[in-house]
């Protein structure tokens, strides 16, 4: 089993999302390109928040602290949970 770190977001003011989406997406792509962020996205019902899967707790926490969605209230709160991936390479 491989340990991963799941960043869970609770939705805040989603009306602000369009103003910060480009910067949020750019940071996500940069994290993915470095290999820190494996996948991320919103739950099907936008009000249910979002999740992201990271390779380290540090990279998940760093992403969340500086995420434009967090800084600008699109995300109300966040937390990181350790997750044991059953099927890994």
PDB file of N, CA and C in Angstrom:
ATOM      1  N   UNK A   1       0.840  -1.191   0.000  1.00  0.00           N
ATOM      2  CA  UNK A   1       0.000   0.000   0.000  1.00  0.00           C
ATOM      3  C   UNK A   1       0.879   1.247   0.000  1.00  0.00           C
ATOM      4  N   UNK A   2       0.429   2.242  -0.700  1.00  0.00           N
ATOM      5  CA  UNK A   2       1.153   3.510  -0.783  1.00  0.00           C
ATOM      6  C   UNK A   2       0.367   4.600  -0.070  1.00  0.00           C
ATOM      7  N   UNK A   3       1.045   5.389   0.723  1.00  0.00           N
ATOM      8  CA  UNK A   3       0.389   6.483   1.435  1.00  0.00           C
ATOM      9  C   UNK A   3       0.258   7.695   0.524  1.00  0.00           C
ATOM     10  N   UNK A   4      -0.931   8.259   0.501  1.00  0.00           N
ATOM     11  CA  UNK A   4      -1.208   9.502  -0.213  1.00  0.00           C
ATOM     12  C   UNK A   4      -1.865  10.453   0.790  1.00  0.00           C
ATOM     13  N   UNK A   5      -2.045  11.698   0.391  1.00  0.00           N
ATOM     14  CA  UNK A   5      -2.633  12.705   1.269  1.00  0.00           C
ATOM     15  C   UNK A   5      -3.755  13.410   0.517  1.00  0.00           C
ATOM     16  N   UNK A   6      -4.949  13.327   1.072  1.00  0.00           N
ATOM     17  CA  UNK A   6      -6.149  13.867   0.432  1.00  0.00           C
ATOM     18  C   UNK A   6      -6.477  15.214   1.067  1.00  0.00           C
ATOM     19  N   UNK A   7      -6.514  16.225   0.238  1.00  0.00           N
ATOM     20  CA  UNK A   7      -6.906  17.567   0.649  1.00  0.00           C
ATOM     21  C   UNK A   7      -8.391  17.711   0.354  1.00  0.00           C
ATOM     22  N   UNK A   8      -9.178  17.969   1.391  1.00  0.00           N
ATOM     23  CA  UNK A   8     -10.621  18.146   1.239  1.00  0.00           C
ATOM     24  C   UNK A   8     -10.973  19.613   1.453  1.00  0.00           C
ATOM     25  N   UNK A   9     -11.742  20.171   0.527  1.00  0.00           N
ATOM     26  CA  UNK A   9     -12.185  21.562   0.584  1.00  0.00           C
ATOM     27  C   UNK A   9     -13.679  21.602   0.865  1.00  0.00           C
ATOM     28  N   UNK A  10     -14.087  22.516   1.733  1.00  0.00           N
ATOM     29  CA  UNK A  10     -15.507  22.825   1.905  1.00  0.00           C
ATOM     30  C   UNK A  10     -15.778  24.113   1.151  1.00  0.00           C
ATOM     31  N   UNK A  11     -16.862  24.121   0.397  1.00  0.00           N
ATOM     32  CA  UNK A  11     -17.193  25.285  -0.429  1.00  0.00           C
ATOM     33  C   UNK A  11     -17.505  26.505   0.414  1.00  0.00           C
ATOM     34  N   UNK A  12     -17.045  27.630  -0.089  1.00  0.00           N
ATOM     35  CA  UNK A  12     -17.357  28.929   0.496  1.00  0.00           C
ATOM     36  C   UNK A  12     -18.215  29.708  -0.486  1.00  0.00           C
ATOM     37  N   UNK A  13     -17.759  30.889  -0.849  1.00  0.00           N
ATOM     38  CA  UNK A  13     -18.485  31.759  -1.777  1.00  0.00           C
ATOM     39  C   UNK A  13     -18.120  31.378  -3.210  1.00  0.00           C
ATOM     40  N   UNK A  14     -18.899  30.476  -3.800  1.00  0.00           N
ATOM     41  CA  UNK A  14     -18.610  29.989  -5.149  1.00  0.00           C
ATOM     42  C   UNK A  14     -18.774  31.065  -6.214  1.00  0.00           C
ATOM     43  N   UNK A  15     -19.483  32.125  -5.897  1.00  0.00           N
ATOM     44  CA  UNK A  15     -19.625  33.234  -6.831  1.00  0.00           C
ATOM     45  C   UNK A  15     -18.304  33.917  -7.150  1.00  0.00           C
ATOM     46  N   UNK A  16     -17.332  33.774  -6.252  1.00  0.00           N
ATOM     47  CA  UNK A  16     -16.009  34.363  -6.469  1.00  0.00           C
ATOM     48  C   UNK A  16     -15.104  33.474  -7.320  1.00  0.00           C
ATOM     49  N   UNK A  17     -15.512  32.238  -7.563  1.00  0.00           N
ATOM     50  CA  UNK A  17     -14.649  31.282  -8.270  1.00  0.00           C
ATOM     51  C   UNK A  17     -14.179  31.778  -9.637  1.00  0.00           C
ATOM     52  N   UNK A  18     -15.046  32.334 -10.472  1.00  0.00           N
ATOM     53  CA  UNK A  18     -14.574  32.761 -11.798  1.00  0.00           C
ATOM     54  C   UNK A  18     -13.442  33.795 -11.747  1.00  0.00           C
ATOM     55  N   UNK A  19     -13.417  34.610 -10.697  1.00  0.00           N
ATOM     56  CA  UNK A  19     -12.374  35.630 -10.573  1.00  0.00           C
ATOM     57  C   UNK A  19     -11.000  35.031 -10.294  1.00  0.00           C
ATOM     58  N   UNK A  20     -10.963  33.840  -9.714  1.00  0.00           N
ATOM     59  CA  UNK A  20      -9.702  33.253  -9.261  1.00  0.00           C
ATOM     60  C   UNK A  20      -9.394  31.903  -9.909  1.00  0.00           C
ATOM     61  N   UNK A  21     -10.248  31.482 -10.835  1.00  0.00           N
ATOM     62  CA  UNK A  21     -10.114  30.144 -11.437  1.00  0.00           C
ATOM     63  C   UNK A  21      -8.818  29.984 -12.230  1.00  0.00           C
ATOM     64  N   UNK A  22      -8.421  30.967 -12.981  1.00  0.00           N
ATOM     65  CA  UNK A  22      -7.216  30.839 -13.807  1.00  0.00           C
ATOM     66  C   UNK A  22      -5.978  30.639 -12.938  1.00  0.00           C
ATOM     67  N   UNK A  23      -5.839  31.434 -11.886  1.00  0.00           N
ATOM     68  CA  UNK A  23      -4.678  31.309 -11.006  1.00  0.00           C
ATOM     69  C   UNK A  23      -4.713  29.987 -10.230  1.00  0.00           C
ATOM     70  N   UNK A  24      -5.913  29.599  -9.782  1.00  0.00           N
ATOM     71  CA  UNK A  24      -6.087  28.317  -9.085  1.00  0.00           C
ATOM     72  C   UNK A  24      -5.675  27.166 -10.004  1.00  0.00           C
ATOM     73  N   UNK A  25      -6.148  27.174 -11.233  1.00  0.00           N
ATOM     74  CA  UNK A  25      -5.832  26.114 -12.194  1.00  0.00           C
ATOM     75  C   UNK A  25      -4.348  26.098 -12.534  1.00  0.00           C
ATOM     76  N   UNK A  26      -3.743  27.257 -12.662  1.00  0.00           N
ATOM     77  CA  UNK A  26      -2.320  27.351 -12.966  1.00  0.00           C
ATOM     78  C   UNK A  26      -1.482  26.735 -11.841  1.00  0.00           C
ATOM     79  N   UNK A  27      -1.838  27.030 -10.606  1.00  0.00           N
ATOM     80  CA  UNK A  27      -1.119  26.449  -9.460  1.00  0.00           C
ATOM     81  C   UNK A  27      -1.310  24.941  -9.429  1.00  0.00           C
ATOM     82  N   UNK A  28      -2.520  24.477  -9.737  1.00  0.00           N
ATOM     83  CA  UNK A  28      -2.765  23.038  -9.781  1.00  0.00           C
ATOM     84  C   UNK A  28      -1.919  22.372 -10.841  1.00  0.00           C
ATOM     85  N   UNK A  29      -1.824  22.976 -12.005  1.00  0.00           N
ATOM     86  CA  UNK A  29      -1.015  22.410 -13.090  1.00  0.00           C
ATOM     87  C   UNK A  29       0.459  22.372 -12.707  1.00  0.00           C
ATOM     88  N   UNK A  30       0.948  23.427 -12.075  1.00  0.00           N
ATOM     89  CA  UNK A  30       2.345  23.463 -11.628  1.00  0.00           C
ATOM     90  C   UNK A  30       2.625  22.340 -10.622  1.00  0.00           C
ATOM     91  N   UNK A  31       1.722  22.136  -9.676  1.00  0.00           N
ATOM     92  CA  UNK A  31       1.882  21.066  -8.681  1.00  0.00           C
ATOM     93  C   UNK A  31       1.845  19.697  -9.343  1.00  0.00           C
ATOM     94  N   UNK A  32       0.981  19.555 -10.323  1.00  0.00           N
ATOM     95  CA  UNK A  32       0.886  18.289 -11.054  1.00  0.00           C
ATOM     96  C   UNK A  32       2.164  18.038 -11.865  1.00  0.00           C
ATOM     97  N   UNK A  33       2.651  19.076 -12.526  1.00  0.00           N
ATOM     98  CA  UNK A  33       3.864  18.947 -13.331  1.00  0.00           C
ATOM     99  C   UNK A  33       5.076  18.565 -12.479  1.00  0.00           C
ATOM    100  N   UNK A  34       5.127  19.039 -11.235  1.00  0.00           N
ATOM    101  CA  UNK A  34       6.220  18.681 -10.316  1.00  0.00           C
ATOM    102  C   UNK A  34       6.076  17.263  -9.774  1.00  0.00           C
ATOM    103  N   UNK A  35       4.870  16.682  -9.935  1.00  0.00           N
ATOM    104  CA  UNK A  35       4.621  15.344  -9.416  1.00  0.00           C
ATOM    105  C   UNK A  35       4.051  15.323  -8.013  1.00  0.00           C
ATOM    106  N   UNK A  36       3.747  16.488  -7.437  1.00  0.00           N
ATOM    107  CA  UNK A  36       3.181  16.575  -6.088  1.00  0.00           C
ATOM    108  C   UNK A  36       1.685  16.273  -6.075  1.00  0.00           C
ATOM    109  N   UNK A  37       0.966  16.777  -7.063  1.00  0.00           N
ATOM    110  CA  UNK A  37      -0.491  16.646  -7.158  1.00  0.00           C
ATOM    111  C   UNK A  37      -0.818  15.570  -8.181  1.00  0.00           C
ATOM    112  N   UNK A  38      -1.497  14.536  -7.738  1.00  0.00           N
ATOM    113  CA  UNK A  38      -1.829  13.429  -8.640  1.00  0.00           C
ATOM    114  C   UNK A  38      -3.136  13.658  -9.370  1.00  0.00           C
ATOM    115  N   UNK A  39      -4.129  14.213  -8.675  1.00  0.00           N
ATOM    116  CA  UNK A  39      -5.432  14.495  -9.277  1.00  0.00           C
ATOM    117  C   UNK A  39      -6.201  15.441  -8.368  1.00  0.00           C
ATOM    118  N   UNK A  40      -7.116  16.212  -8.963  1.00  0.00           N
ATOM    119  CA  UNK A  40      -7.996  17.057  -8.167  1.00  0.00           C
ATOM    120  C   UNK A  40      -9.213  17.472  -8.960  1.00  0.00           C
ATOM    121  N   UNK A  41     -10.222  17.924  -8.222  1.00  0.00           N
ATOM    122  CA  UNK A  41     -11.435  18.398  -8.866  1.00  0.00           C
ATOM    123  C   UNK A  41     -12.581  18.494  -7.882  1.00  0.00           C
ATOM    124  N   UNK A  42     -13.655  19.147  -8.321  1.00  0.00           N
ATOM    125  CA  UNK A  42     -14.827  19.316  -7.463  1.00  0.00           C
ATOM    126  C   UNK A  42     -15.682  18.048  -7.433  1.00  0.00           C
ATOM    127  N   UNK A  43     -16.465  17.920  -6.383  1.00  0.00           N
ATOM    128  CA  UNK A  43     -17.471  16.870  -6.356  1.00  0.00           C
ATOM    129  C   UNK A  43     -18.588  17.260  -7.325  1.00  0.00           C
ATOM    130  N   UNK A  44     -19.413  16.301  -7.731  1.00  0.00           N
ATOM    131  CA  UNK A  44     -20.435  16.527  -8.756  1.00  0.00           C
ATOM    132  C   UNK A  44     -21.369  17.681  -8.387  1.00  0.00           C
ATOM    133  N   UNK A  45     -21.767  17.768  -7.137  1.00  0.00           N
ATOM    134  CA  UNK A  45     -22.568  18.887  -6.664  1.00  0.00           C
ATOM    135  C   UNK A  45     -21.582  19.945  -6.171  1.00  0.00           C
ATOM    136  N   UNK A  46     -21.484  21.056  -6.859  1.00  0.00           N
ATOM    137  CA  UNK A  46     -20.470  22.073  -6.561  1.00  0.00           C
ATOM    138  C   UNK A  46     -20.474  22.498  -5.099  1.00  0.00           C
ATOM    139  N   UNK A  47     -21.605  22.532  -4.467  1.00  0.00           N
ATOM    140  CA  UNK A  47     -21.686  22.930  -3.066  1.00  0.00           C
ATOM    141  C   UNK A  47     -21.090  21.921  -2.107  1.00  0.00           C
ATOM    142  N   UNK A  48     -20.756  20.723  -2.612  1.00  0.00           N
ATOM    143  CA  UNK A  48     -20.178  19.677  -1.765  1.00  0.00           C
ATOM    144  C   UNK A  48     -18.668  19.800  -1.620  1.00  0.00           C
ATOM    145  N   UNK A  49     -18.052  20.755  -2.271  1.00  0.00           N
ATOM    146  CA  UNK A  49     -16.625  20.968  -2.136  1.00  0.00           C
ATOM    147  C   UNK A  49     -15.813  20.260  -3.198  1.00  0.00           C
ATOM    148  N   UNK A  50     -14.566  19.986  -2.848  1.00  0.00           N
ATOM    149  CA  UNK A  50     -13.622  19.393  -3.799  1.00  0.00           C
ATOM    150  C   UNK A  50     -12.595  18.575  -3.038  1.00  0.00           C
ATOM    151  N   UNK A  51     -11.820  17.808  -3.802  1.00  0.00           N
ATOM    152  CA  UNK A  51     -10.730  17.061  -3.195  1.00  0.00           C
ATOM    153  C   UNK A  51      -9.546  17.013  -4.140  1.00  0.00           C
ATOM    154  N   UNK A  52      -8.381  16.781  -3.548  1.00  0.00           N
ATOM    155  CA  UNK A  52      -7.142  16.648  -4.308  1.00  0.00           C
ATOM    156  C   UNK A  52      -6.301  15.576  -3.635  1.00  0.00           C
ATOM    157  N   UNK A  53      -5.528  14.852  -4.425  1.00  0.00           N
ATOM    158  CA  UNK A  53      -4.673  13.793  -3.900  1.00  0.00           C
ATOM    159  C   UNK A  53      -3.223  14.178  -4.159  1.00  0.00           C
ATOM    160  N   UNK A  54      -2.443  14.243  -3.077  1.00  0.00           N
ATOM    161  CA  UNK A  54      -1.045  14.654  -3.124  1.00  0.00           C
ATOM    162  C   UNK A  54      -0.132  13.521  -2.679  1.00  0.00           C
ATOM    163  N   UNK A  55       1.128  13.634  -3.043  1.00  0.00           N
ATOM    164  CA  UNK A  55       2.115  12.624  -2.667  1.00  0.00           C
ATOM    165  C   UNK A  55       2.658  12.831  -1.258  1.00  0.00           C
ATOM    166  N   UNK A  56       2.605  14.078  -0.745  1.00  0.00           N
ATOM    167  CA  UNK A  56       3.089  14.364   0.606  1.00  0.00           C
ATOM    168  C   UNK A  56       2.112  15.290   1.330  1.00  0.00           C
ATOM    169  N   UNK A  57       2.110  15.187   2.652  1.00  0.00           N
ATOM    170  CA  UNK A  57       1.287  16.099   3.457  1.00  0.00           C
ATOM    171  C   UNK A  57       1.761  17.535   3.267  1.00  0.00           C
ATOM    172  N   UNK A  58       3.068  17.724   3.219  1.00  0.00           N
ATOM    173  CA  UNK A  58       3.628  19.069   3.074  1.00  0.00           C
ATOM    174  C   UNK A  58       3.158  19.736   1.783  1.00  0.00           C
ATOM    175  N   UNK A  59       3.162  19.007   0.691  1.00  0.00           N
ATOM    176  CA  UNK A  59       2.726  19.607  -0.581  1.00  0.00           C
ATOM    177  C   UNK A  59       1.234  19.918  -0.552  1.00  0.00           C
ATOM    178  N   UNK A  60       0.433  19.079   0.091  1.00  0.00           N
ATOM    179  CA  UNK A  60      -1.008  19.347   0.210  1.00  0.00           C
ATOM    180  C   UNK A  60      -1.265  20.596   1.038  1.00  0.00           C
ATOM    181  N   UNK A  61      -0.576  20.707   2.177  1.00  0.00           N
ATOM    182  CA  UNK A  61      -0.774  21.864   3.053  1.00  0.00           C
ATOM    183  C   UNK A  61      -0.273  23.149   2.407  1.00  0.00           C
ATOM    184  N   UNK A  62       0.854  23.079   1.713  1.00  0.00           N
ATOM    185  CA  UNK A  62       1.388  24.259   1.031  1.00  0.00           C
ATOM    186  C   UNK A  62       0.435  24.728  -0.060  1.00  0.00           C
ATOM    187  N   UNK A  63      -0.097  23.772  -0.818  1.00  0.00           N
ATOM    188  CA  UNK A  63      -1.047  24.127  -1.866  1.00  0.00           C
ATOM    189  C   UNK A  63      -2.260  24.831  -1.259  1.00  0.00           C
ATOM    190  N   UNK A  64      -2.805  24.257  -0.198  1.00  0.00           N
ATOM    191  CA  UNK A  64      -4.016  24.816   0.414  1.00  0.00           C
ATOM    192  C   UNK A  64      -3.771  26.208   0.992  1.00  0.00           C
ATOM    193  N   UNK A  65      -2.681  26.389   1.691  1.00  0.00           N
ATOM    194  CA  UNK A  65      -2.414  27.688   2.335  1.00  0.00           C
ATOM    195  C   UNK A  65      -2.364  28.829   1.328  1.00  0.00           C
ATOM    196  N   UNK A  66      -1.784  28.577   0.149  1.00  0.00           N
ATOM    197  CA  UNK A  66      -1.592  29.640  -0.835  1.00  0.00           C
ATOM    198  C   UNK A  66      -2.580  29.585  -2.007  1.00  0.00           C
ATOM    199  N   UNK A  67      -3.531  28.676  -1.960  1.00  0.00           N
ATOM    200  CA  UNK A  67      -4.507  28.528  -3.049  1.00  0.00           C
ATOM    201  C   UNK A  67      -5.371  29.786  -3.139  1.00  0.00           C
ATOM    202  N   UNK A  68      -5.459  30.401  -4.309  1.00  0.00           N
ATOM    203  CA  UNK A  68      -6.304  31.587  -4.467  1.00  0.00           C
ATOM    204  C   UNK A  68      -7.764  31.337  -4.067  1.00  0.00           C
ATOM    205  N   UNK A  69      -8.247  30.121  -4.228  1.00  0.00           N
ATOM    206  CA  UNK A  69      -9.612  29.822  -3.799  1.00  0.00           C
ATOM    207  C   UNK A  69      -9.731  29.893  -2.281  1.00  0.00           C
ATOM    208  N   UNK A  70      -8.715  29.468  -1.558  1.00  0.00           N
ATOM    209  CA  UNK A  70      -8.722  29.536  -0.095  1.00  0.00           C
ATOM    210  C   UNK A  70      -8.547  30.980   0.352  1.00  0.00           C
ATOM    211  N   UNK A  71      -7.535  31.633  -0.181  1.00  0.00           N
ATOM    212  CA  UNK A  71      -7.201  33.003   0.214  1.00  0.00           C
ATOM    213  C   UNK A  71      -8.365  33.956  -0.022  1.00  0.00           C
ATOM    214  N   UNK A  72      -9.151  33.709  -1.066  1.00  0.00           N
ATOM    215  CA  UNK A  72     -10.226  34.634  -1.449  1.00  0.00           C
ATOM    216  C   UNK A  72     -11.625  34.152  -1.089  1.00  0.00           C
ATOM    217  N   UNK A  73     -11.743  33.126  -0.271  1.00  0.00           N
ATOM    218  CA  UNK A  73     -13.040  32.723   0.267  1.00  0.00           C
ATOM    219  C   UNK A  73     -13.882  31.799  -0.591  1.00  0.00           C
ATOM    220  N   UNK A  74     -13.359  31.343  -1.735  1.00  0.00           N
ATOM    221  CA  UNK A  74     -14.110  30.368  -2.536  1.00  0.00           C
ATOM    222  C   UNK A  74     -14.195  29.049  -1.761  1.00  0.00           C
ATOM    223  N   UNK A  75     -13.137  28.758  -1.013  1.00  0.00           N
ATOM    224  CA  UNK A  75     -13.091  27.606  -0.112  1.00  0.00           C
ATOM    225  C   UNK A  75     -13.231  28.131   1.313  1.00  0.00           C
ATOM    226  N   UNK A  76     -14.202  27.584   2.044  1.00  0.00           N
ATOM    227  CA  UNK A  76     -14.454  28.024   3.417  1.00  0.00           C
ATOM    228  C   UNK A  76     -13.442  27.424   4.386  1.00  0.00           C
ATOM    229  N   UNK A  77     -13.161  26.146   4.223  1.00  0.00           N
ATOM    230  CA  UNK A  77     -12.209  25.471   5.098  1.00  0.00           C
ATOM    231  C   UNK A  77     -11.621  24.272   4.365  1.00  0.00           C
ATOM    232  N   UNK A  78     -10.530  23.755   4.895  1.00  0.00           N
ATOM    233  CA  UNK A  78      -9.860  22.613   4.283  1.00  0.00           C
ATOM    234  C   UNK A  78      -9.167  21.804   5.371  1.00  0.00           C
ATOM    235  N   UNK A  79      -8.924  20.540   5.050  1.00  0.00           N
ATOM    236  CA  UNK A  79      -8.102  19.698   5.917  1.00  0.00           C
ATOM    237  C   UNK A  79      -7.492  18.581   5.081  1.00  0.00           C
ATOM    238  N   UNK A  80      -6.428  18.003   5.602  1.00  0.00           N
ATOM    239  CA  UNK A  80      -5.697  16.951   4.908  1.00  0.00           C
ATOM    240  C   UNK A  80      -5.852  15.657   5.699  1.00  0.00           C
ATOM    241  N   UNK A  81      -6.141  14.574   4.977  1.00  0.00           N
ATOM    242  CA  UNK A  81      -6.243  13.249   5.588  1.00  0.00           C
ATOM    243  C   UNK A  81      -5.261  12.305   4.917  1.00  0.00           C
ATOM    244  N   UNK A  82      -4.614  11.491   5.736  1.00  0.00           N
ATOM    245  CA  UNK A  82      -3.727  10.464   5.222  1.00  0.00           C
ATOM    246  C   UNK A  82      -4.578   9.326   4.678  1.00  0.00           C
ATOM    247  N   UNK A  83      -4.202   8.809   3.517  1.00  0.00           N
ATOM    248  CA  UNK A  83      -5.001   7.778   2.846  1.00  0.00           C
ATOM    249  C   UNK A  83      -4.076   6.665   2.369  1.00  0.00           C
ATOM    250  N   UNK A  84      -4.470   5.455   2.598  1.00  0.00           N
ATOM    251  CA  UNK A  84      -3.680   4.300   2.187  1.00  0.00           C
ATOM    252  C   UNK A  84      -4.246   3.770   0.877  1.00  0.00           C
ATOM    253  N   UNK A  85      -3.544   4.017  -0.205  1.00  0.00           N
ATOM    254  CA  UNK A  85      -3.986   3.570  -1.529  1.00  0.00           C
ATOM    255  C   UNK A  85      -3.751   2.063  -1.649  1.00  0.00           C
ATOM    256  N   UNK A  86      -4.795   1.323  -1.892  1.00  0.00           N
ATOM    257  CA  UNK A  86      -4.700  -0.143  -1.959  1.00  0.00           C
ATOM    258  C   UNK A  86      -4.040  -0.630  -3.230  1.00  0.00           C
ATOM    259  N   UNK A  87      -4.360  -0.022  -4.359  1.00  0.00           N
ATOM    260  CA  UNK A  87      -3.784  -0.422  -5.634  1.00  0.00           C
ATOM    261  C   UNK A  87      -2.851   0.660  -6.116  1.00  0.00           C
ATOM    262  N   UNK A  88      -1.578   0.433  -6.011  1.00  0.00           N
ATOM    263  CA  UNK A  88      -0.611   1.431  -6.451  1.00  0.00           C
ATOM    264  C   UNK A  88       0.467   0.769  -7.294  1.00  0.00           C
ATOM    265  N   UNK A  89       1.144   1.589  -8.080  1.00  0.00           N
ATOM    266  CA  UNK A  89       2.211   1.088  -8.951  1.00  0.00           C
ATOM    267  C   UNK A  89       3.435   0.712  -8.149  1.00  0.00           C
TER     268      UNK A  89
END
